């Protein structure tokens, strides 16, 4: 903040003749505004234990999970990572027991053939899968994949595609360079969530006592589109929608993914008629899952969190995406009229907040909803 304050004073924008002639004045001091800090939500972990995050963080050391899974059919795949695999597996099983996850010994450890280590990534993955298919009696619950590098490992992408897209096998990758309890705990949290377990939940879910959401069936949606690298017009954009399930819980989600035209920001597969009687859009998939997982209840409220759109695209979200969602609802039931709330989350802004007289960031949960907000739209910083 001192650096920015010095730059603001030395620039002396207020003395700029062009600005003065236009009647614009810029202060040499930052604007002072009032904010408030929301208290951290109380979490529930295993055995009904309460858990309070501190400074926006929490860890699961010495904590059990709310709904741990049981892992019976699994195997280890080693792409030439140098480590003591027996010791790693023993520590993983021990750490899992502390979290409530019962892990049976792996069916086998598949080591990469030294002759293919220098082969192209796709070839290495194919050769490894040939080994797995020869020895494994049926599909595993998940595969633990050991990679030689933590970042930019060239087999990571082909391995994930082969497992998830081609075979639907859950996989967890790890680079066993510096393995400790915290690292193993983080891996187990991912494995448990991928296999359908629940790591933690909000205390207000258990009551349930979430304002508005707990009173009537409410569906939460999160939507975003990711694009290829700049200049790569041949790479399709990927649209993803996550949706809550098992109302009145809000800590369980499922995901839907579709490809669409390159650099297209608006999602065009939310409602997709393939015939007069068939919709293959994302929202139909989401609504049916909510209905079956929530005691055959239709959502009366749908709250949409949309990421990655600028202010100039707000109307497009309403006119294109929201319209598709409404059409998908009407296609399932013409008389169904749920209420909608659309919340746009923007991360890439240039507004900075500081605590006066302190080098620290503003505390987690800080909310600013006055003075520097939009004069007409209802917005806030959090």
Protein backbone atom coordinates (compact mmCIF):
# COMPACT_ATOMS: atom_id res chain seq x y z
CA UNK A 1 0.00 0.00 0.00
CA UNK A 2 2.92 2.36 0.73
CA UNK A 3 4.21 1.87 -2.82
CA UNK A 4 0.82 2.68 -4.33
CA UNK A 5 0.34 5.70 -2.04
CA UNK A 6 3.73 7.06 -3.07
CA UNK A 7 2.95 6.51 -6.77
CA UNK A 8 -0.41 8.28 -6.38
CA UNK A 9 1.17 11.31 -4.71
CA UNK A 10 4.13 11.56 -7.09
CA UNK A 11 1.91 11.29 -10.19
CA UNK A 12 0.01 14.41 -9.07
CA UNK A 13 -2.94 13.71 -11.34
CA UNK A 14 -4.84 16.66 -9.88
CA UNK A 15 -2.44 19.08 -11.55
CA UNK A 16 -3.05 17.66 -15.06
CA UNK A 17 -4.34 20.59 -17.18
CA UNK A 18 -6.58 18.43 -19.38
CA UNK A 19 -8.35 16.91 -16.39
CA UNK A 20 -8.72 20.32 -14.68
CA UNK A 21 -10.22 21.83 -17.82
CA UNK A 22 -12.83 19.03 -17.80
CA UNK A 23 -13.66 19.69 -14.17
CA UNK A 24 -12.19 16.36 -13.02
CA UNK A 25 -10.20 16.24 -9.80
CA UNK A 26 -8.33 13.22 -8.44
CA UNK A 27 -7.42 13.07 -4.77
CA UNK A 28 -3.88 12.26 -3.65
CA UNK A 29 -5.31 9.99 -0.95
CA UNK A 30 -7.07 6.66 -1.27
CA UNK A 31 -10.81 6.62 -0.57
CA UNK A 32 -11.70 5.50 2.94
CA UNK A 33 -14.75 3.22 3.04
CA UNK A 34 -16.50 1.11 5.64
CA UNK A 35 -16.73 -2.65 5.32
CA UNK A 36 -17.96 -5.49 7.48
CA UNK A 37 -16.61 -8.96 8.09
CA UNK A 38 -18.92 -11.94 7.96
CA UNK A 39 -18.18 -14.60 10.55
CA UNK A 40 -16.83 -17.89 9.20
CA UNK A 41 -19.51 -20.57 8.80
CA UNK A 42 -19.35 -23.44 11.28
CA UNK A 43 -18.57 -26.79 9.66
CA UNK A 44 -19.50 -30.31 10.62
CA UNK A 45 -16.97 -33.12 10.27
CA UNK A 46 -17.14 -36.79 11.26
CA UNK A 47 -18.78 -37.97 14.51
CA UNK A 48 -20.89 -34.78 14.56
CA UNK A 49 -17.90 -32.70 15.61
CA UNK A 50 -18.06 -28.92 15.10
CA UNK A 51 -15.20 -27.32 13.21
CA UNK A 52 -14.42 -23.59 12.94
CA UNK A 53 -12.26 -22.33 10.04
CA UNK A 54 -9.65 -19.71 10.94
CA UNK A 55 -8.39 -16.99 8.58
CA UNK A 56 -10.25 -18.59 5.71
CA UNK A 57 -8.46 -21.93 6.16
CA UNK A 58 -9.02 -25.28 7.74
CA UNK A 59 -7.34 -28.67 7.64
CA UNK A 60 -8.48 -32.19 8.38
CA UNK A 61 -5.54 -33.35 10.47
CA UNK A 62 -6.91 -35.59 13.24
CA UNK A 63 -10.45 -35.17 11.89
CA UNK A 64 -12.81 -37.80 10.53
CA UNK A 65 -14.90 -37.22 7.41
CA UNK A 66 -18.68 -36.84 7.43
CA UNK A 67 -19.28 -39.69 4.96
CA UNK A 68 -16.10 -41.65 4.27
CA UNK A 69 -16.10 -44.23 1.49
CA UNK A 70 -14.81 -47.79 1.59
CA UNK A 71 -12.14 -48.58 -0.97
CA UNK A 72 -11.91 -52.26 -1.89
CA UNK A 73 -10.93 -52.51 -5.56
CA UNK A 74 -8.00 -50.32 -6.45
CA UNK A 75 -4.48 -50.50 -7.82
CA UNK A 76 -1.30 -48.43 -8.04
CA UNK A 77 0.15 -47.34 -11.37
CA UNK A 78 3.74 -46.10 -11.38
CA UNK A 79 5.02 -44.05 -14.33
CA UNK A 80 8.68 -44.35 -13.33
CA UNK A 81 8.36 -42.29 -10.13
CA UNK A 82 11.16 -43.05 -7.69
CA UNK A 83 9.70 -43.90 -4.30
CA UNK A 84 9.12 -46.68 -1.81
CA UNK A 85 5.68 -47.75 -3.02
CA UNK A 86 5.11 -50.25 -0.21
CA UNK A 87 5.76 -47.55 2.40
CA UNK A 88 3.57 -45.05 0.49
CA UNK A 89 0.64 -47.48 0.34
CA UNK A 90 1.02 -48.32 4.05
CA UNK A 91 1.00 -44.61 4.99
CA UNK A 92 -2.00 -43.94 2.73
CA UNK A 93 -4.01 -46.76 4.32
CA UNK A 94 -3.05 -45.60 7.83
CA UNK A 95 -3.95 -41.97 7.06
CA UNK A 96 -7.26 -43.13 5.53
CA UNK A 97 -8.16 -45.03 8.72
CA UNK A 98 -7.64 -41.83 10.73
CA UNK A 99 -10.16 -40.11 8.44
CA UNK A 100 -12.62 -43.00 8.62
CA UNK A 101 -11.82 -44.28 5.10
CA UNK A 102 -11.35 -48.05 5.16
CA UNK A 103 -8.83 -48.92 2.44
CA UNK A 104 -8.08 -52.51 1.50
CA UNK A 105 -4.57 -53.36 0.20
CA UNK A 106 -4.24 -52.63 -3.54
CA UNK A 107 -4.86 -55.46 -5.98
CA UNK A 108 -1.52 -54.87 -7.65
CA UNK A 109 1.21 -52.34 -8.44
CA UNK A 110 1.75 -51.77 -12.15
CA UNK A 111 5.27 -50.62 -12.95
CA UNK A 112 6.08 -48.95 -16.25
CA UNK A 113 8.25 -50.99 -18.59
CA UNK A 114 11.70 -49.28 -18.70
CA UNK A 115 11.76 -49.77 -22.48
CA UNK A 116 8.85 -47.37 -23.03
CA UNK A 117 9.90 -44.58 -20.64
CA UNK A 118 11.18 -42.45 -23.53
CA UNK A 119 8.22 -43.20 -25.78
CA UNK A 120 5.56 -40.52 -26.55
CA UNK A 121 3.04 -39.95 -23.72
CA UNK A 122 0.14 -41.60 -25.59
CA UNK A 123 2.20 -44.74 -26.18
CA UNK A 124 3.22 -44.90 -22.50
CA UNK A 125 -0.42 -44.65 -21.40
CA UNK A 126 -1.58 -47.28 -23.91
CA UNK A 127 1.14 -49.72 -22.82
CA UNK A 128 0.23 -49.20 -19.17
CA UNK A 129 -3.44 -49.87 -19.89
CA UNK A 130 -2.55 -53.08 -21.69
CA UNK A 131 -0.89 -54.27 -18.47
CA UNK A 132 -3.88 -53.24 -16.36
CA UNK A 133 -6.45 -54.95 -18.62
CA UNK A 134 -4.44 -58.17 -18.67
CA UNK A 135 -4.22 -58.50 -14.88
CA UNK A 136 -7.18 -56.70 -13.29
CA UNK A 137 -10.36 -58.81 -12.84
CA UNK A 138 -12.88 -56.14 -13.82
CA UNK A 139 -13.00 -52.37 -13.45
CA UNK A 140 -11.39 -50.90 -10.30
CA UNK A 141 -12.98 -48.33 -8.00
CA UNK A 142 -10.04 -46.06 -8.67
CA UNK A 143 -6.41 -46.05 -9.79
CA UNK A 144 -3.67 -44.27 -7.86
CA UNK A 145 -1.21 -42.92 -10.43
CA UNK A 146 2.36 -42.01 -9.41
CA UNK A 147 3.99 -39.39 -11.65
CA UNK A 148 7.70 -38.55 -11.80
CA UNK A 149 7.13 -34.76 -11.87
CA UNK A 150 4.71 -32.66 -9.83
CA UNK A 151 4.19 -30.10 -12.59
CA UNK A 152 3.98 -30.35 -16.37
CA UNK A 153 4.17 -34.14 -16.49
CA UNK A 154 3.49 -35.07 -20.12
CA UNK A 155 1.55 -38.27 -19.34
CA UNK A 156 -0.95 -36.47 -17.05
CA UNK A 157 -3.33 -35.29 -19.79
CA UNK A 158 -3.41 -38.54 -21.83
CA UNK A 159 -3.75 -40.60 -18.62
CA UNK A 160 -6.73 -38.55 -17.38
CA UNK A 161 -8.44 -38.70 -20.79
CA UNK A 162 -7.96 -42.45 -21.06
CA UNK A 163 -9.42 -43.09 -17.62
CA UNK A 164 -12.24 -40.55 -17.44
CA UNK A 165 -13.35 -40.15 -21.06
CA UNK A 166 -12.72 -43.63 -22.45
CA UNK A 167 -13.37 -45.91 -19.45
CA UNK A 168 -15.05 -43.82 -16.73
CA UNK A 169 -12.47 -44.85 -14.13
CA UNK A 170 -11.78 -42.53 -11.19
CA UNK A 171 -8.08 -41.75 -10.91
CA UNK A 172 -5.94 -39.77 -8.47
CA UNK A 173 -2.50 -38.59 -9.54
CA UNK A 174 0.29 -37.75 -7.14
CA UNK A 175 4.00 -36.95 -7.41
CA UNK A 176 5.58 -38.67 -4.38
CA UNK A 177 8.49 -36.26 -4.04
CA UNK A 178 7.86 -34.93 -0.52
CA UNK A 179 5.08 -36.96 1.07
CA UNK A 180 3.82 -36.15 4.57
CA UNK A 181 0.54 -36.49 6.47
CA UNK A 182 -0.80 -33.20 5.11
CA UNK A 183 -0.09 -34.22 1.51
CA UNK A 184 -1.72 -37.63 1.99
CA UNK A 185 -4.72 -36.00 3.70
CA UNK A 186 -5.22 -33.65 0.74
CA UNK A 187 -5.08 -36.61 -1.66
CA UNK A 188 -7.57 -38.59 0.43
CA UNK A 189 -10.01 -35.66 0.50
CA UNK A 190 -9.99 -35.67 -3.30
CA UNK A 191 -10.31 -39.45 -3.52
CA UNK A 192 -13.22 -39.53 -1.05
CA UNK A 193 -15.11 -36.79 -2.92
CA UNK A 194 -14.50 -38.46 -6.31
CA UNK A 195 -15.86 -41.76 -5.01
CA UNK A 196 -19.08 -40.18 -3.72
CA UNK A 197 -18.13 -39.49 -0.11
CA UNK A 198 -18.67 -36.25 1.79
CA UNK A 199 -15.73 -34.61 3.55
CA UNK A 200 -17.52 -31.88 5.51
CA UNK A 201 -20.73 -29.93 5.49
CA UNK A 202 -22.11 -26.67 6.81
CA UNK A 203 -23.64 -26.89 10.26
CA UNK A 204 -26.73 -25.05 8.97
CA UNK A 205 -27.29 -27.91 6.50
CA UNK A 206 -27.70 -30.44 9.27
CA UNK A 207 -30.51 -28.55 11.03
CA UNK A 208 -31.42 -27.47 8.21
CA UNK A 209 -31.67 -23.71 8.73
CA UNK A 210 -30.33 -21.91 5.65
CA UNK A 211 -32.48 -18.83 4.99
CA UNK A 212 -34.80 -19.32 2.00
CA UNK A 213 -32.87 -22.34 0.68
CA UNK A 214 -33.93 -24.79 3.42
CA UNK A 215 -37.61 -23.80 3.37
CA UNK A 216 -38.46 -24.81 -0.21
CA UNK A 217 -36.65 -27.12 -2.68
CA UNK A 218 -33.82 -25.04 -4.10
CA UNK A 219 -31.37 -25.92 -6.87
CA UNK A 220 -27.95 -24.24 -6.93
CA UNK A 221 -26.14 -24.00 -10.27
CA UNK A 222 -22.59 -22.92 -11.02
CA UNK A 223 -21.79 -22.20 -14.68
CA UNK A 224 -18.58 -21.31 -16.50
CA UNK A 225 -16.91 -21.62 -19.91
CA UNK A 226 -13.19 -22.17 -20.45
CA UNK A 227 -11.47 -21.36 -23.72
CA UNK A 228 -8.35 -22.49 -25.53
CA UNK A 229 -5.11 -20.52 -25.62
CA UNK A 230 -5.18 -17.12 -27.37
CA UNK A 231 -4.85 -17.58 -31.12
CA UNK A 232 -6.03 -21.21 -31.07
CA UNK A 233 -9.33 -20.88 -32.93
CA UNK A 234 -9.33 -24.63 -33.68
CA UNK A 235 -9.74 -25.59 -30.02
CA UNK A 236 -13.38 -25.82 -28.85
CA UNK A 237 -14.54 -24.04 -25.71
CA UNK A 238 -15.69 -26.18 -22.77
CA UNK A 239 -18.93 -25.35 -20.96
CA UNK A 240 -19.39 -26.79 -17.46
CA UNK A 241 -22.35 -26.71 -15.08
CA UNK A 242 -22.29 -28.01 -11.51
CA UNK A 243 -25.59 -28.56 -9.71
CA UNK A 244 -26.60 -29.29 -6.13
CA UNK A 245 -28.38 -32.52 -5.30
CA UNK A 246 -30.03 -34.25 -2.32
CA UNK A 247 -31.87 -31.12 -1.13
CA UNK A 248 -31.85 -29.74 1.58
CA UNK A 249 -28.09 -30.40 1.40
CA UNK A 250 -26.00 -27.91 -0.55
CA UNK A 251 -22.63 -29.65 -0.18
CA UNK A 252 -23.27 -32.36 -2.77
CA UNK A 253 -22.85 -31.54 -6.44
CA UNK A 254 -22.68 -33.22 -9.82
CA UNK A 255 -21.06 -31.89 -12.99
CA UNK A 256 -22.10 -31.70 -16.67
CA UNK A 257 -19.64 -30.81 -19.41
CA UNK A 258 -20.17 -30.00 -23.10
CA UNK A 259 -18.00 -28.69 -25.92
CA UNK A 260 -19.10 -25.72 -28.01
CA UNK A 261 -17.76 -23.31 -30.60
CA UNK A 262 -14.32 -21.82 -30.07
CA UNK A 263 -14.29 -18.62 -27.95
CA UNK A 264 -18.09 -18.70 -27.50
CA UNK A 265 -18.81 -17.42 -23.99
CA UNK A 266 -22.57 -18.03 -23.81
CA UNK A 267 -23.45 -21.67 -23.10
CA UNK A 268 -25.51 -22.99 -26.01
CA UNK A 269 -26.26 -26.52 -24.77
CA UNK A 270 -28.43 -25.73 -21.77
CA UNK A 271 -31.56 -26.60 -23.78
CA UNK A 272 -31.00 -28.74 -26.88
CA UNK A 273 -33.95 -30.16 -28.76
CA UNK A 274 -33.05 -33.15 -30.95
CA UNK A 275 -36.69 -33.92 -31.75
CA UNK A 276 -40.15 -32.71 -30.80
CA UNK A 277 -40.11 -34.98 -27.75
CA UNK A 278 -36.45 -35.15 -26.74
CA UNK A 279 -34.20 -32.59 -25.05
CA UNK A 280 -30.52 -33.50 -24.61
CA UNK A 281 -29.47 -30.26 -22.92
CA UNK A 282 -27.50 -29.86 -19.71
CA UNK A 283 -30.41 -28.48 -17.68
CA UNK A 284 -32.67 -31.49 -18.32
CA UNK A 285 -29.88 -33.73 -16.97
CA UNK A 286 -29.50 -31.47 -13.92
CA UNK A 287 -33.23 -31.23 -13.16
CA UNK A 288 -33.81 -34.98 -13.41
CA UNK A 289 -30.89 -35.66 -11.06
CA UNK A 290 -32.22 -33.13 -8.53
CA UNK A 291 -35.70 -34.69 -8.75
CA UNK A 292 -34.51 -38.27 -8.19
CA UNK A 293 -31.99 -37.39 -5.46
CA UNK A 294 -34.31 -35.03 -3.53
CA UNK A 295 -37.29 -37.28 -2.80
CA UNK A 296 -39.02 -36.62 -6.14
CA UNK A 297 -39.27 -32.88 -5.53
CA UNK A 298 -38.97 -30.27 -8.24
CA UNK A 299 -36.96 -27.16 -7.37
CA UNK A 300 -39.19 -24.19 -6.64
CA UNK A 301 -36.16 -21.88 -6.63
CA UNK A 302 -33.10 -21.98 -8.88
CA UNK A 303 -30.07 -19.89 -7.90
CA UNK A 304 -27.50 -19.50 -10.68
CA UNK A 305 -23.88 -18.49 -10.07
CA UNK A 306 -22.36 -17.46 -13.41
CA UNK A 307 -18.61 -16.94 -13.68
CA UNK A 308 -16.50 -15.35 -16.39
CA UNK A 309 -18.81 -12.79 -17.99
CA UNK A 310 -18.20 -9.04 -18.22
CA UNK A 311 -20.72 -6.30 -17.51
CA UNK A 312 -21.41 -5.91 -21.23
CA UNK A 313 -22.59 -9.55 -21.35
CA UNK A 314 -25.08 -9.41 -18.46
CA UNK A 315 -28.06 -9.03 -20.80
CA UNK A 316 -26.84 -11.97 -22.88
CA UNK A 317 -26.83 -14.16 -19.78
CA UNK A 318 -30.47 -13.22 -19.18
CA UNK A 319 -31.62 -13.31 -22.81
CA UNK A 320 -29.73 -16.41 -23.95
CA UNK A 321 -28.79 -18.61 -21.00
CA UNK A 322 -31.67 -17.91 -18.62
CA UNK A 323 -34.13 -18.27 -21.50
CA UNK A 324 -32.71 -21.73 -22.26
CA UNK A 325 -33.05 -22.76 -18.60
CA UNK A 326 -36.68 -21.60 -18.53
CA UNK A 327 -37.37 -23.48 -21.79
CA UNK A 328 -35.86 -26.66 -20.33
CA UNK A 329 -38.13 -26.36 -17.28
CA UNK A 330 -41.22 -25.76 -19.43
CA UNK A 331 -40.31 -28.68 -21.69
CA UNK A 332 -40.47 -31.01 -18.68
CA UNK A 333 -43.65 -29.47 -17.25
CA UNK A 334 -45.55 -26.65 -18.94
CA UNK A 335 -47.20 -25.62 -15.64
CA UNK A 336 -43.94 -25.46 -13.69
CA UNK A 337 -42.81 -21.91 -12.78
CA UNK A 338 -39.75 -21.89 -10.51
CA UNK A 339 -38.25 -18.61 -9.31
CA UNK A 340 -34.79 -17.62 -10.55
CA UNK A 341 -31.90 -15.60 -9.12
CA UNK A 342 -28.83 -14.95 -11.26
CA UNK A 343 -25.58 -13.98 -9.51
CA UNK A 344 -22.55 -13.08 -11.64
CA UNK A 345 -19.20 -13.66 -9.94
CA UNK A 346 -16.33 -11.56 -11.32
CA UNK A 347 -12.76 -12.19 -10.19
CA UNK A 348 -10.82 -10.26 -12.80
CA UNK A 349 -11.43 -6.72 -11.59
CA UNK A 350 -8.84 -4.10 -10.61
CA UNK A 351 -10.29 -2.93 -7.30
CA UNK A 352 -7.94 -3.33 -4.35
CA UNK A 353 -8.78 -3.05 -0.68
CA UNK A 354 -6.31 -2.44 2.17
CA UNK A 355 -6.49 -2.21 5.92
CA UNK A 356 -5.39 1.24 7.12
CA UNK A 357 -2.07 1.08 8.94
CA UNK A 358 -1.57 -2.63 8.32
CA UNK A 359 0.41 -4.58 5.67
CA UNK A 360 -2.03 -7.51 5.89
CA UNK A 361 -4.82 -8.24 3.43
CA UNK A 362 -8.38 -7.54 4.50
CA UNK A 363 -9.66 -10.53 6.51
CA UNK A 364 -11.57 -13.37 4.79
CA UNK A 365 -15.30 -12.67 4.72
CA UNK A 366 -14.89 -8.90 4.21
CA UNK A 367 -17.88 -7.36 2.41
CA UNK A 368 -17.95 -3.88 0.84
CA UNK A 369 -21.34 -2.80 -0.49
CA UNK A 370 -21.16 1.03 -0.43
CA UNK A 371 -19.52 3.99 -2.20
CA UNK A 372 -17.38 2.04 -4.71
CA UNK A 373 -20.22 -0.15 -6.01
CA UNK A 374 -22.33 0.24 -9.16
CA UNK A 375 -24.79 3.16 -8.93
CA UNK A 376 -27.73 1.10 -10.29
CA UNK A 377 -26.92 -2.63 -10.24
CA UNK A 378 -27.04 -4.52 -6.97
CA UNK A 379 -23.42 -5.55 -6.52
CA UNK A 380 -20.86 -5.93 -3.74
CA UNK A 381 -17.28 -7.02 -3.14
CA UNK A 382 -16.53 -10.04 -1.00
